PDB file of N, CA and C in Angstrom:
ATOM      1  N   UNK A   1       5.328   9.809 -16.244  1.00  0.00           N
ATOM      2  CA  UNK A   1       4.217   9.521 -15.335  1.00  0.00           C
ATOM      3  C   UNK A   1       3.795   8.059 -15.525  1.00  0.00           C
ATOM      4  N   UNK A   2       3.514   7.344 -14.417  1.00  0.00           N
ATOM      5  CA  UNK A   2       3.081   5.953 -14.520  1.00  0.00           C
ATOM      6  C   UNK A   2       1.731   5.848 -15.240  1.00  0.00           C
ATOM      7  N   UNK A   3       1.506   4.729 -15.885  1.00  0.00           N
ATOM      8  CA  UNK A   3       0.279   4.503 -16.644  1.00  0.00           C
ATOM      9  C   UNK A   3      -0.810   3.934 -15.741  1.00  0.00           C
ATOM     10  N   UNK A   4      -2.026   4.476 -15.868  1.00  0.00           N
ATOM     11  CA  UNK A   4      -3.159   3.971 -15.095  1.00  0.00           C
ATOM     12  C   UNK A   4      -3.495   2.545 -15.517  1.00  0.00           C
ATOM     13  N   UNK A   5      -3.898   1.739 -14.545  1.00  0.00           N
ATOM     14  CA  UNK A   5      -4.288   0.363 -14.829  1.00  0.00           C
ATOM     15  C   UNK A   5      -5.753   0.293 -15.246  1.00  0.00           C
ATOM     16  N   UNK A   6      -6.069  -0.656 -16.102  1.00  0.00           N
ATOM     17  CA  UNK A   6      -7.462  -0.895 -16.486  1.00  0.00           C
ATOM     18  C   UNK A   6      -8.175  -1.603 -15.335  1.00  0.00           C
ATOM     19  N   UNK A   7      -9.481  -1.661 -15.395  1.00  0.00           N
ATOM     20  CA  UNK A   7     -10.258  -2.372 -14.367  1.00  0.00           C
ATOM     21  C   UNK A   7      -9.858  -3.832 -14.296  1.00  0.00           C
ATOM     22  N   UNK A   8      -9.636  -4.451 -15.450  1.00  0.00           N
ATOM     23  CA  UNK A   8      -9.223  -5.849 -15.487  1.00  0.00           C
ATOM     24  C   UNK A   8      -7.856  -6.033 -14.852  1.00  0.00           C
ATOM     25  N   UNK A   9      -6.930  -5.149 -15.144  1.00  0.00           N
ATOM     26  CA  UNK A   9      -5.580  -5.229 -14.569  1.00  0.00           C
ATOM     27  C   UNK A   9      -5.625  -5.035 -13.058  1.00  0.00           C
ATOM     28  N   UNK A  10      -6.481  -4.141 -12.573  1.00  0.00           N
ATOM     29  CA  UNK A  10      -6.622  -3.928 -11.127  1.00  0.00           C
ATOM     30  C   UNK A  10      -7.132  -5.195 -10.447  1.00  0.00           C
ATOM     31  N   UNK A  11      -8.173  -5.789 -11.014  1.00  0.00           N
ATOM     32  CA  UNK A  11      -8.750  -6.995 -10.427  1.00  0.00           C
ATOM     33  C   UNK A  11      -7.735  -8.132 -10.400  1.00  0.00           C
ATOM     34  N   UNK A  12      -6.985  -8.284 -11.473  1.00  0.00           N
ATOM     35  CA  UNK A  12      -5.959  -9.326 -11.514  1.00  0.00           C
ATOM     36  C   UNK A  12      -4.880  -9.056 -10.463  1.00  0.00           C
ATOM     37  N   UNK A  13      -4.416  -7.810 -10.385  1.00  0.00           N
ATOM     38  CA  UNK A  13      -3.360  -7.457  -9.424  1.00  0.00           C
ATOM     39  C   UNK A  13      -3.829  -7.689  -7.986  1.00  0.00           C
ATOM     40  N   UNK A  14      -5.101  -7.478  -7.721  1.00  0.00           N
ATOM     41  CA  UNK A  14      -5.636  -7.702  -6.374  1.00  0.00           C
ATOM     42  C   UNK A  14      -5.589  -9.176  -5.976  1.00  0.00           C
ATOM     43  N   UNK A  15      -5.617 -10.082  -6.949  1.00  0.00           N
ATOM     44  CA  UNK A  15      -5.545 -11.505  -6.614  1.00  0.00           C
ATOM     45  C   UNK A  15      -4.198 -11.864  -6.006  1.00  0.00           C
ATOM     46  N   UNK A  16      -3.168 -11.053  -6.272  1.00  0.00           N
ATOM     47  CA  UNK A  16      -1.826 -11.302  -5.735  1.00  0.00           C
ATOM     48  C   UNK A  16      -1.636 -10.717  -4.338  1.00  0.00           C
ATOM     49  N   UNK A  17      -2.558  -9.873  -3.908  1.00  0.00           N
ATOM     50  CA  UNK A  17      -2.465  -9.227  -2.588  1.00  0.00           C
ATOM     51  C   UNK A  17      -3.833  -9.325  -1.895  1.00  0.00           C
ATOM     52  N   UNK A  18      -4.190 -10.515  -1.413  1.00  0.00           N
ATOM     53  CA  UNK A  18      -5.550 -10.769  -0.928  1.00  0.00           C
ATOM     54  C   UNK A  18      -6.004  -9.939   0.273  1.00  0.00           C
ATOM     55  N   UNK A  19      -5.089  -9.341   1.022  1.00  0.00           N
ATOM     56  CA  UNK A  19      -5.490  -8.551   2.199  1.00  0.00           C
ATOM     57  C   UNK A  19      -5.835  -7.103   1.845  1.00  0.00           C
ATOM     58  N   UNK A  20      -5.628  -6.731   0.603  1.00  0.00           N
ATOM     59  CA  UNK A  20      -5.908  -5.374   0.144  1.00  0.00           C
ATOM     60  C   UNK A  20      -7.264  -5.336  -0.554  1.00  0.00           C
ATOM     61  N   UNK A  21      -7.931  -4.169  -0.449  1.00  0.00           N
ATOM     62  CA  UNK A  21      -9.220  -4.000  -1.124  1.00  0.00           C
ATOM     63  C   UNK A  21      -9.191  -2.736  -1.970  1.00  0.00           C
ATOM     64  N   UNK A  22     -10.029  -2.751  -2.978  1.00  0.00           N
ATOM     65  CA  UNK A  22     -10.186  -1.590  -3.847  1.00  0.00           C
ATOM     66  C   UNK A  22     -11.064  -0.573  -3.131  1.00  0.00           C
ATOM     67  N   UNK A  23     -10.722   0.695  -3.218  1.00  0.00           N
ATOM     68  CA  UNK A  23     -11.524   1.729  -2.566  1.00  0.00           C
ATOM     69  C   UNK A  23     -11.588   2.971  -3.435  1.00  0.00           C
ATOM     70  N   UNK A  24     -12.258   3.985  -2.917  1.00  0.00           N
ATOM     71  CA  UNK A  24     -12.369   5.289  -3.586  1.00  0.00           C
ATOM     72  C   UNK A  24     -12.740   5.165  -5.055  1.00  0.00           C
ATOM     73  N   UNK A  25     -13.804   4.455  -5.323  1.00  0.00           N
ATOM     74  CA  UNK A  25     -14.264   4.341  -6.694  1.00  0.00           C
ATOM     75  C   UNK A  25     -13.265   3.653  -7.610  1.00  0.00           C
ATOM     76  N   UNK A  26     -12.419   2.802  -7.032  1.00  0.00           N
ATOM     77  CA  UNK A  26     -11.457   2.068  -7.833  1.00  0.00           C
ATOM     78  C   UNK A  26     -10.167   2.802  -8.089  1.00  0.00           C
ATOM     79  N   UNK A  27      -9.954   3.931  -7.423  1.00  0.00           N
ATOM     80  CA  UNK A  27      -8.750   4.734  -7.643  1.00  0.00           C
ATOM     81  C   UNK A  27      -7.663   4.525  -6.593  1.00  0.00           C
ATOM     82  N   UNK A  28      -7.901   3.601  -5.653  1.00  0.00           N
ATOM     83  CA  UNK A  28      -6.917   3.352  -4.595  1.00  0.00           C
ATOM     84  C   UNK A  28      -7.111   1.935  -4.072  1.00  0.00           C
ATOM     85  N   UNK A  29      -6.074   1.444  -3.374  1.00  0.00           N
ATOM     86  CA  UNK A  29      -6.192   0.192  -2.633  1.00  0.00           C
ATOM     87  C   UNK A  29      -5.873   0.496  -1.179  1.00  0.00           C
ATOM     88  N   UNK A  30      -6.464  -0.305  -0.275  1.00  0.00           N
ATOM     89  CA  UNK A  30      -6.257  -0.037   1.141  1.00  0.00           C
ATOM     90  C   UNK A  30      -6.142  -1.329   1.936  1.00  0.00           C
ATOM     91  N   UNK A  31      -5.463  -1.187   3.060  1.00  0.00           N
ATOM     92  CA  UNK A  31      -5.294  -2.307   3.983  1.00  0.00           C
ATOM     93  C   UNK A  31      -4.999  -1.762   5.371  1.00  0.00           C
ATOM     94  N   UNK A  32      -5.464  -2.479   6.384  1.00  0.00           N
ATOM     95  CA  UNK A  32      -5.094  -2.198   7.763  1.00  0.00           C
ATOM     96  C   UNK A  32      -4.179  -3.309   8.245  1.00  0.00           C
ATOM     97  N   UNK A  33      -2.997  -2.932   8.705  1.00  0.00           N
ATOM     98  CA  UNK A  33      -2.030  -3.863   9.279  1.00  0.00           C
ATOM     99  C   UNK A  33      -2.172  -3.784  10.790  1.00  0.00           C
ATOM    100  N   UNK A  34      -2.183  -4.928  11.455  1.00  0.00           N
ATOM    101  CA  UNK A  34      -2.270  -4.974  12.910  1.00  0.00           C
ATOM    102  C   UNK A  34      -1.047  -5.702  13.448  1.00  0.00           C
ATOM    103  N   UNK A  35      -0.403  -5.102  14.447  1.00  0.00           N
ATOM    104  CA  UNK A  35       0.831  -5.635  15.025  1.00  0.00           C
ATOM    105  C   UNK A  35       0.632  -5.918  16.510  1.00  0.00           C
ATOM    106  N   UNK A  36       1.620  -6.567  17.107  1.00  0.00           N
ATOM    107  CA  UNK A  36       1.538  -6.908  18.537  1.00  0.00           C
ATOM    108  C   UNK A  36       1.747  -5.702  19.436  1.00  0.00           C
ATOM    109  N   UNK A  37       2.353  -4.646  18.923  1.00  0.00           N
ATOM    110  CA  UNK A  37       2.644  -3.497  19.773  1.00  0.00           C
ATOM    111  C   UNK A  37       2.826  -2.242  18.914  1.00  0.00           C
ATOM    112  N   UNK A  38       2.836  -1.115  19.587  1.00  0.00           N
ATOM    113  CA  UNK A  38       3.098   0.152  18.923  1.00  0.00           C
ATOM    114  C   UNK A  38       4.494   0.149  18.296  1.00  0.00           C
ATOM    115  N   UNK A  39       5.476  -0.385  19.032  1.00  0.00           N
ATOM    116  CA  UNK A  39       6.852  -0.394  18.531  1.00  0.00           C
ATOM    117  C   UNK A  39       6.966  -1.175  17.223  1.00  0.00           C
ATOM    118  N   UNK A  40       6.269  -2.300  17.123  1.00  0.00           N
ATOM    119  CA  UNK A  40       6.308  -3.081  15.879  1.00  0.00           C
ATOM    120  C   UNK A  40       5.612  -2.336  14.744  1.00  0.00           C
ATOM    121  N   UNK A  41       4.503  -1.680  15.046  1.00  0.00           N
ATOM    122  CA  UNK A  41       3.801  -0.899  14.023  1.00  0.00           C
ATOM    123  C   UNK A  41       4.694   0.232  13.520  1.00  0.00           C
ATOM    124  N   UNK A  42       5.348   0.898  14.447  1.00  0.00           N
ATOM    125  CA  UNK A  42       6.227   2.013  14.077  1.00  0.00           C
ATOM    126  C   UNK A  42       7.443   1.517  13.299  1.00  0.00           C
ATOM    127  N   UNK A  43       7.977   0.358  13.686  1.00  0.00           N
ATOM    128  CA  UNK A  43       9.094  -0.231  12.958  1.00  0.00           C
ATOM    129  C   UNK A  43       8.706  -0.560  11.527  1.00  0.00           C
ATOM    130  N   UNK A  44       7.502  -1.099  11.343  1.00  0.00           N
ATOM    131  CA  UNK A  44       6.977  -1.390  10.013  1.00  0.00           C
ATOM    132  C   UNK A  44       6.887  -0.107   9.181  1.00  0.00           C
ATOM    133  N   UNK A  45       6.387   0.954   9.798  1.00  0.00           N
ATOM    134  CA  UNK A  45       6.268   2.230   9.082  1.00  0.00           C
ATOM    135  C   UNK A  45       7.649   2.767   8.704  1.00  0.00           C
ATOM    136  N   UNK A  46       8.609   2.636   9.598  1.00  0.00           N
ATOM    137  CA  UNK A  46       9.966   3.113   9.303  1.00  0.00           C
ATOM    138  C   UNK A  46      10.580   2.337   8.144  1.00  0.00           C
ATOM    139  N   UNK A  47      10.431   1.028   8.155  1.00  0.00           N
ATOM    140  CA  UNK A  47      10.965   0.206   7.061  1.00  0.00           C
ATOM    141  C   UNK A  47      10.258   0.520   5.746  1.00  0.00           C
ATOM    142  N   UNK A  48       8.950   0.695   5.809  1.00  0.00           N
ATOM    143  CA  UNK A  48       8.190   1.047   4.605  1.00  0.00           C
ATOM    144  C   UNK A  48       8.610   2.411   4.082  1.00  0.00           C
ATOM    145  N   UNK A  49       8.855   3.353   4.982  1.00  0.00           N
ATOM    146  CA  UNK A  49       9.252   4.698   4.559  1.00  0.00           C
ATOM    147  C   UNK A  49      10.539   4.662   3.733  1.00  0.00           C
ATOM    148  N   UNK A  50      11.477   3.813   4.120  1.00  0.00           N
ATOM    149  CA  UNK A  50      12.736   3.696   3.374  1.00  0.00           C
ATOM    150  C   UNK A  50      12.466   3.153   1.973  1.00  0.00           C
ATOM    151  N   UNK A  51      11.633   2.103   1.878  1.00  0.00           N
ATOM    152  CA  UNK A  51      11.281   1.544   0.571  1.00  0.00           C
ATOM    153  C   UNK A  51      10.531   2.562  -0.288  1.00  0.00           C
ATOM    154  N   UNK A  52       9.567   3.236   0.310  1.00  0.00           N
ATOM    155  CA  UNK A  52       8.752   4.211  -0.423  1.00  0.00           C
ATOM    156  C   UNK A  52       9.620   5.346  -0.958  1.00  0.00           C
ATOM    157  N   UNK A  53      10.561   5.785  -0.160  1.00  0.00           N
ATOM    158  CA  UNK A  53      11.455   6.870  -0.590  1.00  0.00           C
ATOM    159  C   UNK A  53      12.294   6.424  -1.782  1.00  0.00           C
ATOM    160  N   UNK A  54      12.813   5.186  -1.734  1.00  0.00           N
ATOM    161  CA  UNK A  54      13.600   4.663  -2.851  1.00  0.00           C
ATOM    162  C   UNK A  54      12.762   4.546  -4.120  1.00  0.00           C
ATOM    163  N   UNK A  55      11.484   4.227  -3.955  1.00  0.00           N
ATOM    164  CA  UNK A  55      10.580   4.091  -5.105  1.00  0.00           C
ATOM    165  C   UNK A  55      10.018   5.443  -5.556  1.00  0.00           C
ATOM    166  N   UNK A  56      10.200   6.466  -4.716  1.00  0.00           N
ATOM    167  CA  UNK A  56       9.572   7.769  -4.930  1.00  0.00           C
ATOM    168  C   UNK A  56       8.057   7.602  -5.079  1.00  0.00           C
ATOM    169  N   UNK A  57       7.509   6.783  -4.197  1.00  0.00           N
ATOM    170  CA  UNK A  57       6.070   6.499  -4.205  1.00  0.00           C
ATOM    171  C   UNK A  57       5.624   6.344  -2.761  1.00  0.00           C
ATOM    172  N   UNK A  58       4.868   7.302  -2.257  1.00  0.00           N
ATOM    173  CA  UNK A  58       4.621   7.408  -0.823  1.00  0.00           C
ATOM    174  C   UNK A  58       3.167   7.109  -0.459  1.00  0.00           C
ATOM    175  N   UNK A  59       2.966   6.312   0.590  1.00  0.00           N
ATOM    176  CA  UNK A  59       1.608   5.963   1.007  1.00  0.00           C
ATOM    177  C   UNK A  59       0.929   7.096   1.767  1.00  0.00           C
ATOM    178  N   UNK A  60      -0.383   7.023   1.758  1.00  0.00           N
ATOM    179  CA  UNK A  60      -1.191   7.818   2.676  1.00  0.00           C
ATOM    180  C   UNK A  60      -1.517   6.852   3.804  1.00  0.00           C
ATOM    181  N   UNK A  61      -1.146   7.221   5.049  1.00  0.00           N
ATOM    182  CA  UNK A  61      -1.349   6.283   6.138  1.00  0.00           C
ATOM    183  C   UNK A  61      -1.556   6.977   7.458  1.00  0.00           C
ATOM    184  N   UNK A  62      -2.124   6.198   8.395  1.00  0.00           N
ATOM    185  CA  UNK A  62      -2.283   6.659   9.770  1.00  0.00           C
ATOM    186  C   UNK A  62      -1.869   5.518  10.692  1.00  0.00           C
ATOM    187  N   UNK A  63      -1.450   5.879  11.890  1.00  0.00           N
ATOM    188  CA  UNK A  63      -1.053   4.901  12.892  1.00  0.00           C
ATOM    189  C   UNK A  63      -1.771   5.217  14.183  1.00  0.00           C
ATOM    190  N   UNK A  64      -2.448   4.216  14.734  1.00  0.00           N
ATOM    191  CA  UNK A  64      -3.040   4.303  16.057  1.00  0.00           C
ATOM    192  C   UNK A  64      -2.623   3.062  16.818  1.00  0.00           C
ATOM    193  N   UNK A  65      -1.799   3.261  17.827  1.00  0.00           N
ATOM    194  CA  UNK A  65      -1.215   2.199  18.648  1.00  0.00           C
ATOM    195  C   UNK A  65      -0.637   1.085  17.775  1.00  0.00           C
ATOM    196  N   UNK A  66      -1.309  -0.062  17.675  1.00  0.00           N
ATOM    197  CA  UNK A  66      -0.733  -1.200  16.949  1.00  0.00           C
ATOM    198  C   UNK A  66      -1.294  -1.374  15.534  1.00  0.00           C
ATOM    199  N   UNK A  67      -2.037  -0.407  15.062  1.00  0.00           N
ATOM    200  CA  UNK A  67      -2.643  -0.491  13.732  1.00  0.00           C
ATOM    201  C   UNK A  67      -2.056   0.568  12.801  1.00  0.00           C
ATOM    202  N   UNK A  68      -1.831   0.154  11.547  1.00  0.00           N
ATOM    203  CA  UNK A  68      -1.394   1.075  10.506  1.00  0.00           C
ATOM    204  C   UNK A  68      -2.382   0.945   9.353  1.00  0.00           C
ATOM    205  N   UNK A  69      -3.123   2.009   9.074  1.00  0.00           N
ATOM    206  CA  UNK A  69      -4.079   2.019   7.969  1.00  0.00           C
ATOM    207  C   UNK A  69      -3.407   2.671   6.776  1.00  0.00           C
ATOM    208  N   UNK A  70      -3.422   1.960   5.632  1.00  0.00           N
ATOM    209  CA  UNK A  70      -2.690   2.398   4.451  1.00  0.00           C
ATOM    210  C   UNK A  70      -3.631   2.556   3.269  1.00  0.00           C
ATOM    211  N   UNK A  71      -3.437   3.634   2.531  1.00  0.00           N
ATOM    212  CA  UNK A  71      -4.143   3.893   1.279  1.00  0.00           C
ATOM    213  C   UNK A  71      -3.086   4.174   0.228  1.00  0.00           C
ATOM    214  N   UNK A  72      -3.124   3.430  -0.870  1.00  0.00           N
ATOM    215  CA  UNK A  72      -2.165   3.627  -1.948  1.00  0.00           C
ATOM    216  C   UNK A  72      -2.869   4.045  -3.224  1.00  0.00           C
ATOM    217  N   UNK A  73      -2.367   5.101  -3.834  1.00  0.00           N
ATOM    218  CA  UNK A  73      -2.826   5.576  -5.133  1.00  0.00           C
ATOM    219  C   UNK A  73      -1.696   6.387  -5.734  1.00  0.00           C
ATOM    220  N   UNK A  74      -1.702   6.496  -7.035  1.00  0.00           N
ATOM    221  CA  UNK A  74      -0.677   7.307  -7.710  1.00  0.00           C
ATOM    222  C   UNK A  74      -1.297   8.672  -8.005  1.00  0.00           C
ATOM    223  N   UNK A  75      -1.052   9.620  -7.117  1.00  0.00           N
ATOM    224  CA  UNK A  75      -1.682  10.939  -7.219  1.00  0.00           C
ATOM    225  C   UNK A  75      -1.370  11.620  -8.549  1.00  0.00           C
ATOM    226  N   UNK A  76      -0.115  11.525  -8.994  1.00  0.00           N
ATOM    227  CA  UNK A  76       0.261  12.212 -10.234  1.00  0.00           C
ATOM    228  C   UNK A  76      -0.424  11.614 -11.462  1.00  0.00           C
ATOM    229  N   UNK A  77      -0.811  10.331 -11.384  1.00  0.00           N
ATOM    230  CA  UNK A  77      -1.494   9.680 -12.507  1.00  0.00           C
ATOM    231  C   UNK A  77      -3.014   9.744 -12.355  1.00  0.00           C
ATOM    232  N   UNK A  78      -3.483  10.077 -11.167  1.00  0.00           N
ATOM    233  CA  UNK A  78      -4.920  10.183 -10.932  1.00  0.00           C
ATOM    234  C   UNK A  78      -5.609   8.847 -10.677  1.00  0.00           C
ATOM    235  N   UNK A  79      -4.879   7.865 -10.161  1.00  0.00           N
ATOM    236  CA  UNK A  79      -5.487   6.569  -9.862  1.00  0.00           C
ATOM    237  C   UNK A  79      -4.436   5.508  -9.626  1.00  0.00           C
ATOM    238  N   UNK A  80      -4.828   4.264  -9.831  1.00  0.00           N
ATOM    239  CA  UNK A  80      -3.947   3.128  -9.558  1.00  0.00           C
ATOM    240  C   UNK A  80      -3.015   2.819 -10.719  1.00  0.00           C
ATOM    241  N   UNK A  81      -1.752   2.579 -10.358  1.00  0.00           N
ATOM    242  CA  UNK A  81      -0.731   2.162 -11.322  1.00  0.00           C
ATOM    243  C   UNK A  81      -0.013   0.945 -10.744  1.00  0.00           C
ATOM    244  N   UNK A  82       0.866   0.372 -11.528  1.00  0.00           N
ATOM    245  CA  UNK A  82       1.646  -0.776 -11.065  1.00  0.00           C
ATOM    246  C   UNK A  82       2.469  -0.422  -9.829  1.00  0.00           C
ATOM    247  N   UNK A  83       2.883   0.840  -9.684  1.00  0.00           N
ATOM    248  CA  UNK A  83       3.651   1.255  -8.505  1.00  0.00           C
ATOM    249  C   UNK A  83       2.897   0.985  -7.209  1.00  0.00           C
ATOM    250  N   UNK A  84       1.591   1.207  -7.220  1.00  0.00           N
ATOM    251  CA  UNK A  84       0.794   0.984  -6.013  1.00  0.00           C
ATOM    252  C   UNK A  84       0.829  -0.485  -5.608  1.00  0.00           C
ATOM    253  N   UNK A  85       0.675  -1.368  -6.582  1.00  0.00           N
ATOM    254  CA  UNK A  85       0.678  -2.797  -6.298  1.00  0.00           C
ATOM    255  C   UNK A  85       2.077  -3.281  -5.925  1.00  0.00           C
ATOM    256  N   UNK A  86       3.085  -2.697  -6.525  1.00  0.00           N
ATOM    257  CA  UNK A  86       4.463  -3.059  -6.182  1.00  0.00           C
ATOM    258  C   UNK A  86       4.752  -2.699  -4.722  1.00  0.00           C
ATOM    259  N   UNK A  87       4.353  -1.491  -4.302  1.00  0.00           N
ATOM    260  CA  UNK A  87       4.572  -1.091  -2.914  1.00  0.00           C
ATOM    261  C   UNK A  87       3.728  -1.946  -1.971  1.00  0.00           C
ATOM    262  N   UNK A  88       2.502  -2.262  -2.355  1.00  0.00           N
ATOM    263  CA  UNK A  88       1.646  -3.118  -1.518  1.00  0.00           C
ATOM    264  C   UNK A  88       2.301  -4.478  -1.297  1.00  0.00           C
ATOM    265  N   UNK A  89       2.854  -5.078  -2.348  1.00  0.00           N
ATOM    266  CA  UNK A  89       3.525  -6.371  -2.204  1.00  0.00           C
ATOM    267  C   UNK A  89       4.732  -6.255  -1.273  1.00  0.00           C
ATOM    268  N   UNK A  90       5.470  -5.178  -1.393  1.00  0.00           N
ATOM    269  CA  UNK A  90       6.647  -4.968  -0.514  1.00  0.00           C
ATOM    270  C   UNK A  90       6.193  -4.801   0.942  1.00  0.00           C
ATOM    271  N   UNK A  91       5.095  -4.086   1.156  1.00  0.00           N
ATOM    272  CA  UNK A  91       4.579  -3.894   2.507  1.00  0.00           C
ATOM    273  C   UNK A  91       4.113  -5.224   3.089  1.00  0.00           C
ATOM    274  N   UNK A  92       3.465  -6.035   2.279  1.00  0.00           N
ATOM    275  CA  UNK A  92       3.036  -7.348   2.748  1.00  0.00           C
ATOM    276  C   UNK A  92       4.222  -8.188   3.187  1.00  0.00           C
ATOM    277  N   UNK A  93       5.305  -8.141   2.425  1.00  0.00           N
ATOM    278  CA  UNK A  93       6.505  -8.915   2.789  1.00  0.00           C
ATOM    279  C   UNK A  93       7.113  -8.404   4.087  1.00  0.00           C
ATOM    280  N   UNK A  94       7.133  -7.090   4.273  1.00  0.00           N
ATOM    281  CA  UNK A  94       7.639  -6.528   5.525  1.00  0.00           C
ATOM    282  C   UNK A  94       6.802  -6.986   6.717  1.00  0.00           C
ATOM    283  N   UNK A  95       5.527  -7.084   6.507  1.00  0.00           N
ATOM    284  CA  UNK A  95       4.617  -7.479   7.577  1.00  0.00           C
ATOM    285  C   UNK A  95       4.843  -8.929   7.995  1.00  0.00           C
ATOM    286  N   UNK A  96       5.302  -9.757   7.064  1.00  0.00           N
ATOM    287  CA  UNK A  96       5.533 -11.180   7.346  1.00  0.00           C
ATOM    288  C   UNK A  96       6.778 -11.397   8.201  1.00  0.00           C
ATOM    289  N   UNK A  97       7.730 -10.450   8.165  1.00  0.00           N
ATOM    290  CA  UNK A  97       8.992 -10.659   8.872  1.00  0.00           C
ATOM    291  C   UNK A  97       8.903 -10.276  10.326  1.00  0.00           C
TER     292      UNK A  97
END
């Protein structure tokens, strides 16, 4: 099971992903991605799904037209782990392309 991050480690990790915010009492991070169209939003979700499956770490998310709202937490660990920040960084890179 992944190790939970300390409050200090969470704050430091957030400096590397400025579009993400801490939520749910510090047990998750969240971000809303906005795209030019539904097709681009769906393409982003499809690409993320492949990465998440390889990592065995899956986001909680919703899609409405061109927006994808994402919540990341490590359910099995009961909070935030390095896996959440790793997936967030990968999602940010996908969004840039």
